[in-house]
Amino acid sequence: MEEIAETEAKDIASDAFGGDISYRAMGLVGTIPDDIIRVAEEENCEHIFISGKERSPAGKAVFGDVAQSVILQFDGPVTVTTMSS
């Protein structure tokens, strides 16, 4: 699963950034968002880019959201994108 997630992250990063900036794309499977924060701290990340689920405002309020947790826990900028299904 991590290989699939990493491949998808690399494809998205390549489309978004090309060769313009230095980045490391990673895919994580596990205790999300805790693992995202842990790895970001271990890797000294300056910025996290995360793909969130497209939900209604009420759905986000009732069920929470991984992206929202990362935003609240990470001590740096977090960019969230959503993709329609």
Protein backbone atom coordinates (compact mmCIF):
# COMPACT_ATOMS: atom_id res chain seq x y z
CA MET A 1 0.00 0.00 0.00
CA GLU A 2 2.83 2.43 0.83
CA GLU A 3 4.38 1.87 -2.62
CA ILE A 4 1.06 2.67 -4.29
CA ALA A 5 0.60 5.78 -2.11
CA GLU A 6 4.17 6.91 -2.82
CA THR A 7 3.75 6.43 -6.57
CA GLU A 8 0.55 8.47 -6.50
CA ALA A 9 2.24 11.20 -4.41
CA LYS A 10 5.16 11.34 -6.87
CA ASP A 11 2.80 11.64 -9.85
CA ILE A 12 0.83 14.45 -8.21
CA ALA A 13 4.00 16.29 -7.13
CA SER A 14 5.51 15.98 -10.59
CA ASP A 15 2.36 17.42 -12.17
CA ALA A 16 2.19 20.23 -9.62
CA PHE A 17 5.85 21.21 -9.32
CA GLY A 18 7.73 19.74 -12.26
CA GLY A 19 11.42 20.43 -11.78
CA ASP A 20 10.94 23.95 -10.43
CA ILE A 21 11.49 23.20 -6.73
CA SER A 22 13.11 20.58 -4.55
CA TYR A 23 10.67 18.21 -2.86
CA ARG A 24 10.31 14.68 -1.57
CA ALA A 25 7.04 12.90 -2.28
CA MET A 26 6.02 10.27 0.24
CA GLY A 27 3.04 8.02 0.68
CA LEU A 28 2.07 6.90 4.18
CA VAL A 29 -0.17 4.13 5.41
CA GLY A 30 -0.84 3.92 9.13
CA THR A 31 -2.05 6.12 11.92
CA ILE A 32 -2.97 9.19 9.96
CA PRO A 33 -2.54 12.14 10.75
CA ASP A 34 -0.07 11.26 13.52
CA ASP A 35 2.30 9.55 11.06
CA ILE A 36 2.19 12.55 8.73
CA ILE A 37 3.25 14.88 11.54
CA ARG A 38 5.90 12.44 12.81
CA VAL A 39 7.51 12.00 9.39
CA ALA A 40 7.29 15.72 8.63
CA GLU A 41 9.17 16.46 11.85
CA GLU A 42 11.75 13.71 11.21
CA GLU A 43 12.37 15.02 7.69
CA ASN A 44 12.44 18.69 8.80
CA CYS A 45 9.64 19.54 6.38
CA GLU A 46 8.95 23.20 5.85
CA HIS A 47 5.58 22.73 4.11
CA ILE A 48 3.08 19.87 3.85
CA PHE A 49 0.89 19.34 0.79
CA ILE A 50 -2.03 16.99 1.42
CA SER A 51 -5.01 15.82 -0.58
CA GLY A 52 -8.24 16.02 1.40
CA LYS A 53 -11.61 14.47 0.80
CA GLU A 54 -14.27 16.65 -0.76
CA ARG A 55 -17.00 16.95 1.88
CA SER A 56 -19.79 19.30 2.74
CA PRO A 57 -19.08 21.78 5.56
CA ALA A 58 -21.49 19.83 7.79
CA GLY A 59 -19.71 16.56 7.00
CA LYS A 60 -16.38 18.06 8.01
CA ALA A 61 -17.82 19.39 11.27
CA VAL A 62 -19.47 16.10 12.25
CA PHE A 63 -16.86 13.57 11.14
CA GLY A 64 -13.60 15.52 11.34
CA ASP A 65 -10.97 15.46 8.65
CA VAL A 66 -7.38 14.22 8.39
CA ALA A 67 -6.34 17.38 6.56
CA GLN A 68 -7.86 19.53 9.31
CA SER A 69 -5.93 17.59 11.97
CA VAL A 70 -2.67 18.06 10.06
CA ILE A 71 -3.34 21.80 9.72
CA LEU A 72 -3.93 22.09 13.46
CA GLN A 73 -0.91 19.99 14.49
CA PHE A 74 1.82 20.99 12.00
CA ASP A 75 3.99 23.96 12.91
CA GLY A 76 4.23 25.32 9.38
CA PRO A 77 2.21 25.89 6.24
CA VAL A 78 -0.14 23.16 5.01
CA THR A 79 -1.66 23.24 1.54
CA VAL A 80 -4.79 21.12 1.05
CA THR A 81 -6.21 20.15 -2.32
CA THR A 82 -9.44 18.29 -3.01
CA MET A 83 -10.28 16.10 -5.93
CA SER A 84 -13.80 15.37 -7.09
CA SER A 85 -14.71 11.70 -7.29
